[in-house]
Every structure is written in C-alpha cells, then in structure tokens.
Amino acid sequence: MKLKYFGHSAFQLTTDSNIRILIDPFLDDNPVSKIKSSEVEAEFIVFTHGHGDHVGDGLKIGKRCNSLFICVNELAEWVKSKGLKAHNMHIGGAHNFDFGKVKFTIAHHGSSTPDNQYAGEPAGVLLTINNKTIYHTGDTGLFYDMKLIGEMNPVDYMLLPIGDNFTMGIDDAVKAVELTNPKVAIPMHYNTFPVIASDPQKFKQLVEAKSKKCIVMQFGEEIVL
C-alpha cells in the first residue's frame, strides 16, 4: 500500500489491488501541491468536512472518475445534490468497503460547504486496509478522546495538523501523538498559507524526543506503508 501527500491535508492511498482513495483533495488552488486534479484518479473520495480547502477539487475528480464519496450524512447529501454518488456515514459508525473499513471519529472544528450549506459535524477518519490503520484526524484541536481512539483502534499512521490558528499547533499535536500512540506520526495542514506557517522538523524533533517515530513527507512525495 502507498501513501501520497499532495500538501495541506490532501492524501491519496493506493491499495495493493490498485484501488485509489483520495482524502480531502485540495489540489488546483493549493499553492504547495505539485499535482493538479486532472492528474489524479480515484475510485473513492473521503471528505473529513465541508470547507473549501478540504472538499477542494473532489467534485470535479469524482465526476470524471465516477468515484464513490464517503463522508458524514449531511455532507454526503450535499454531494448527492450535485449529481454524484455518496455513501452516508456518521461519527462513531464504521462500514466495510471493497478496500477495507472506514470509521469516522469526532474532530473539534467547523463544517460548511463552499456554497454555504450546512455540512454536518467535522470528522476525523480511520481507514483500516490490509491490517494497517491510518488515522487522518481532519482539521481539529486537541481532545482527550484521542487516547480512547488509539486504545480501541491501534493506529499505524497518524496524519495530523500542526499549522496552528485553525487547528492544533505543534505543541498540541505532539500531545495528540502521545495520547493516540501511533507507530508513525505524519504532520499535515501547514505552510499552505502564511497564517499556518509551521516547522515540521521541529514537530519531528519533539515527537522523537518522546521516543516515537515521525515521517515528514515532502509535497508530492509517495511512501510505501
């Protein structure tokens, strides 16, 4: 299985059977993304919440690729209102798809669509594929239930924001890693815009000082999980 980081909170998972899953595909207007929406394919698209820098180019990709969207109920209904197909879920619920299991978690943030529609609760998402669990926290502040999430769903890779202002900053993100106890932490949601400028190497140093592993992915980089 492979994980590609486009920048901001946008990732692509590619399974061993070549199923491609996009998460929050903000590409064309993403100043740090080296890859544009016309260059990606996706059988599935996951939205953590409705903000424009997370919904991004999902609709145009989904229309071109006939993707199935996976998101919380209200956001899924919004996707369907655009003529696309979606699987409705909600926080705390899990469902098995062809590629593996998806479960949504709480996230402390907001959620509305680019056309100002209510998009339900913001969420994080746990994807369990080939016995590996990837936890994309979405946009969130620190919350103590991360400890419970990690205890009930042992996390292999935790993708979490460090950019501050709209989400956790570095110090809170380090605490989030302590609480969740993933095998590997990967920072996201930083340096896209000046207001969320942050140093991922500082985050890495602080995480490693806690005897935990951190990988700082470059924009456009793909790694094997």
Protein backbone atom coordinates (compact mmCIF):
# COMPACT_ATOMS: atom_id res chain seq x y z
CA MET A 1 0.00 0.00 0.00
CA LYS A 2 1.19 3.52 -0.84
CA LEU A 3 0.51 6.93 0.65
CA LYS A 4 0.99 10.12 -1.37
CA TYR A 5 0.95 13.60 0.17
CA PHE A 6 -0.13 16.49 -2.03
CA GLY A 7 0.22 19.17 0.66
CA HIS A 8 -2.23 20.74 3.12
CA SER A 9 -4.46 17.82 4.22
CA ALA A 10 -4.70 16.12 0.83
CA PHE A 11 -3.56 12.50 0.55
CA GLN A 12 -4.00 9.52 -1.72
CA LEU A 13 -3.94 5.91 -0.57
CA THR A 14 -3.31 3.25 -3.21
CA THR A 15 -4.03 -0.30 -2.11
CA ASP A 16 -2.16 -3.42 -3.19
CA SER A 17 -5.03 -4.09 -5.62
CA ASN A 18 -4.62 -0.57 -7.06
CA ILE A 19 -7.76 0.94 -5.53
CA ARG A 20 -7.18 4.66 -5.11
CA ILE A 21 -8.69 6.61 -2.22
CA LEU A 22 -8.38 10.38 -2.06
CA ILE A 23 -8.75 12.25 1.22
CA ASP A 24 -9.59 15.98 1.17
CA PRO A 25 -8.27 16.53 -2.39
CA PHE A 26 -7.47 20.25 -2.39
CA LEU A 27 -5.13 20.47 -5.40
CA ASP A 28 -5.73 23.09 -8.09
CA ASP A 29 -5.81 26.11 -5.75
CA ASN A 30 -3.34 24.58 -3.31
CA PRO A 31 -0.14 26.64 -3.66
CA VAL A 32 2.09 23.81 -2.39
CA SER A 33 0.62 20.98 -4.47
CA LYS A 34 2.78 19.96 -7.42
CA ILE A 35 -0.05 17.77 -8.76
CA LYS A 36 -3.33 19.04 -10.19
CA SER A 37 -6.75 17.47 -10.16
CA SER A 38 -6.58 16.39 -13.81
CA GLU A 39 -3.60 14.19 -12.97
CA VAL A 40 -5.25 12.01 -10.32
CA GLU A 41 -7.68 9.10 -10.44
CA ALA A 42 -9.87 7.85 -7.60
CA GLU A 43 -12.35 5.07 -7.05
CA PHE A 44 -13.21 6.56 -3.64
CA ILE A 45 -13.05 10.09 -2.20
CA VAL A 46 -13.24 10.79 1.54
CA PHE A 47 -14.15 14.23 2.89
CA THR A 48 -13.44 14.97 6.56
CA HIS A 49 -15.56 18.14 6.43
CA GLY A 50 -17.02 20.64 4.01
CA HIS A 51 -14.56 23.54 3.96
CA GLY A 52 -13.26 24.55 0.54
CA ASP A 53 -9.66 23.68 1.33
CA HIS A 54 -10.75 20.08 2.03
CA VAL A 55 -13.60 19.48 -0.40
CA GLY A 56 -11.23 21.11 -2.86
CA ASP A 57 -11.43 19.51 -6.29
CA GLY A 58 -13.28 16.45 -5.10
CA LEU A 59 -16.45 17.07 -7.08
CA LYS A 60 -14.71 17.51 -10.43
CA ILE A 61 -12.50 14.46 -9.78
CA GLY A 62 -15.49 12.42 -8.68
CA LYS A 63 -17.48 13.35 -11.76
CA ARG A 64 -14.62 12.44 -14.10
CA CYS A 65 -13.74 9.18 -12.32
CA ASN A 66 -17.25 8.12 -11.23
CA SER A 67 -15.91 7.97 -7.66
CA LEU A 68 -17.89 6.98 -4.60
CA PHE A 69 -17.76 9.67 -1.92
CA ILE A 70 -17.56 8.64 1.74
CA CYS A 71 -18.49 11.28 4.30
CA VAL A 72 -20.80 12.19 7.15
CA ASN A 73 -24.52 12.20 6.37
CA GLU A 74 -25.16 15.88 5.67
CA LEU A 75 -22.04 16.25 3.53
CA ALA A 76 -22.92 13.07 1.64
CA GLU A 77 -26.38 14.52 0.90
CA TRP A 78 -24.72 17.69 -0.43
CA VAL A 79 -22.52 15.57 -2.71
CA LYS A 80 -25.61 13.74 -3.98
CA SER A 81 -27.31 17.08 -4.64
CA LYS A 82 -24.50 17.76 -7.11
CA GLY A 83 -25.41 14.62 -9.06
CA LEU A 84 -22.66 12.41 -7.63
CA LYS A 85 -22.83 9.19 -5.64
CA ALA A 86 -22.04 9.00 -1.94
CA HIS A 87 -22.14 6.59 0.97
CA ASN A 88 -23.66 8.30 4.01
CA MET A 89 -21.97 7.69 7.36
CA HIS A 90 -21.62 9.43 10.69
CA ILE A 91 -19.27 9.82 13.63
CA GLY A 92 -18.74 6.59 15.54
CA GLY A 93 -20.04 4.46 12.67
CA ALA A 94 -17.96 2.05 10.62
CA HIS A 95 -18.53 0.35 7.28
CA ASN A 96 -16.64 -2.24 5.24
CA PHE A 97 -15.87 -1.29 1.65
CA ASP A 98 -14.09 -3.29 -1.07
CA PHE A 99 -10.74 -1.89 0.05
CA GLY A 100 -11.22 -2.11 3.83
CA LYS A 101 -13.00 -0.49 6.78
CA VAL A 102 -13.82 3.18 7.27
CA LYS A 103 -14.80 4.68 10.63
CA PHE A 104 -15.41 8.35 11.40
CA THR A 105 -14.27 10.00 14.64
CA ILE A 106 -15.01 13.32 16.27
CA ALA A 107 -12.97 16.40 15.40
CA HIS A 108 -13.17 19.83 17.01
CA HIS A 109 -13.61 22.25 14.13
CA GLY A 110 -16.45 23.51 11.90
CA SER A 111 -18.02 22.37 8.64
CA SER A 112 -19.87 24.16 5.86
CA THR A 113 -19.60 23.77 2.11
CA PRO A 114 -18.11 26.30 -0.30
CA ASP A 115 -21.67 27.35 -1.25
CA ASN A 116 -22.50 27.93 2.44
CA GLN A 117 -24.56 24.80 3.07
CA TYR A 118 -24.56 23.10 6.47
CA ALA A 119 -22.25 20.07 6.16
CA GLY A 120 -22.85 18.22 9.42
CA GLU A 121 -20.19 17.64 12.04
CA PRO A 122 -16.48 17.80 11.17
CA ALA A 123 -14.73 14.48 11.47
CA GLY A 124 -11.54 12.52 11.51
CA VAL A 125 -11.38 9.19 9.72
CA LEU A 126 -9.84 5.79 10.46
CA LEU A 127 -9.09 3.65 7.42
CA THR A 128 -8.12 0.04 8.08
CA ILE A 129 -6.66 -1.57 4.98
CA ASN A 130 -4.62 -4.79 4.83
CA ASN A 131 -4.31 -4.85 8.63
CA LYS A 132 -2.91 -1.31 8.77
CA THR A 133 -4.87 1.59 10.28
CA ILE A 134 -4.38 5.14 9.02
CA TYR A 135 -5.91 7.89 11.16
CA HIS A 136 -6.47 11.16 9.28
CA THR A 137 -7.59 13.49 12.06
CA GLY A 138 -9.10 16.10 9.74
CA ASP A 139 -8.93 19.68 10.95
CA THR A 140 -9.09 19.53 14.72
CA GLY A 141 -7.97 20.92 18.00
CA LEU A 142 -6.55 18.64 20.66
CA PHE A 143 -9.03 16.45 22.53
CA TYR A 144 -8.51 13.82 25.21
CA ASP A 145 -10.62 11.17 23.45
CA MET A 146 -7.67 10.69 21.09
CA LYS A 147 -6.41 8.39 23.83
CA LEU A 148 -9.58 6.30 23.58
CA ILE A 149 -9.40 6.28 19.78
CA GLY A 150 -5.85 4.92 19.93
CA GLU A 151 -6.72 2.31 22.56
CA MET A 152 -9.68 0.94 20.61
CA ASN A 153 -8.16 1.29 17.14
CA PRO A 154 -4.37 0.76 17.30
CA VAL A 155 -3.04 3.32 14.79
CA ASP A 156 -0.16 2.60 12.44
CA TYR A 157 -0.01 6.03 10.77
CA MET A 158 -1.47 9.22 12.25
CA LEU A 159 -1.87 12.20 9.90
CA LEU A 160 -2.38 15.31 11.99
CA PRO A 161 -2.31 19.11 11.59
CA ILE A 162 0.47 21.25 13.04
CA GLY A 163 -0.25 24.64 11.43
CA ASP A 164 -2.00 26.30 14.40
CA ASN A 165 -4.58 29.11 14.07
CA PHE A 166 -7.36 26.91 12.60
CA THR A 167 -6.14 23.61 14.11
CA MET A 168 -3.64 22.20 16.56
CA GLY A 169 -0.22 23.79 16.61
CA ILE A 170 2.99 21.87 17.18
CA ASP A 171 2.78 21.53 20.97
CA ASP A 172 -0.80 20.29 20.94
CA ALA A 173 -0.04 17.97 18.02
CA VAL A 174 2.83 16.40 19.97
CA LYS A 175 0.41 15.79 22.85
CA ALA A 176 -2.05 14.27 20.37
CA VAL A 177 0.63 11.80 19.31
CA GLU A 178 1.27 10.93 22.96
CA LEU A 179 -2.44 10.30 23.55
CA THR A 180 -3.09 8.28 20.38
CA ASN A 181 0.22 6.39 20.42
CA PRO A 182 0.55 5.65 16.69
CA LYS A 183 3.51 3.76 15.28
CA VAL A 184 4.25 6.72 12.98
CA ALA A 185 3.16 10.38 13.06
CA ILE A 186 2.96 12.41 9.83
CA PRO A 187 2.35 16.19 10.02
CA MET A 188 -0.07 17.96 7.67
CA HIS A 189 -2.02 21.24 7.30
CA TYR A 190 0.96 23.57 7.46
CA ASN A 191 2.81 26.06 5.20
CA THR A 192 -0.04 26.21 2.67
CA PHE A 193 -0.71 29.83 3.63
CA PRO A 194 1.30 32.29 5.78
CA VAL A 195 -1.19 32.09 8.67
CA ILE A 196 -0.46 28.36 9.12
CA ALA A 197 3.31 28.54 8.69
CA SER A 198 4.96 25.91 10.87
CA ASP A 199 8.20 23.94 11.03
CA PRO A 200 7.62 20.20 10.52
CA GLN A 201 11.20 19.43 11.53
CA LYS A 202 10.57 20.96 14.95
CA PHE A 203 7.49 18.75 15.28
CA LYS A 204 9.56 15.74 14.26
CA GLN A 205 12.24 16.53 16.86
CA LEU A 206 9.68 16.89 19.64
CA VAL A 207 7.90 13.67 18.66
CA GLU A 208 11.18 11.76 18.52
CA ALA A 209 12.10 13.18 21.93
CA LYS A 210 9.04 11.25 23.18
CA SER A 211 10.57 8.07 21.67
CA LYS A 212 8.03 7.99 18.87
CA LYS A 213 8.57 7.85 15.11
CA CYS A 214 7.78 10.73 12.77
CA ILE A 215 7.98 10.98 8.98
CA VAL A 216 7.89 14.42 7.37
CA MET A 217 6.55 13.86 3.87
CA GLN A 218 7.55 16.30 1.15
CA PHE A 219 4.80 17.81 -1.00
CA GLY A 220 4.20 15.35 -3.83
CA GLU A 221 6.07 12.50 -2.11
CA GLU A 222 4.76 8.94 -2.04
CA ILE A 223 5.83 6.34 0.52
CA VAL A 224 5.17 2.64 0.98
CA LEU A 225 3.26 1.80 4.15
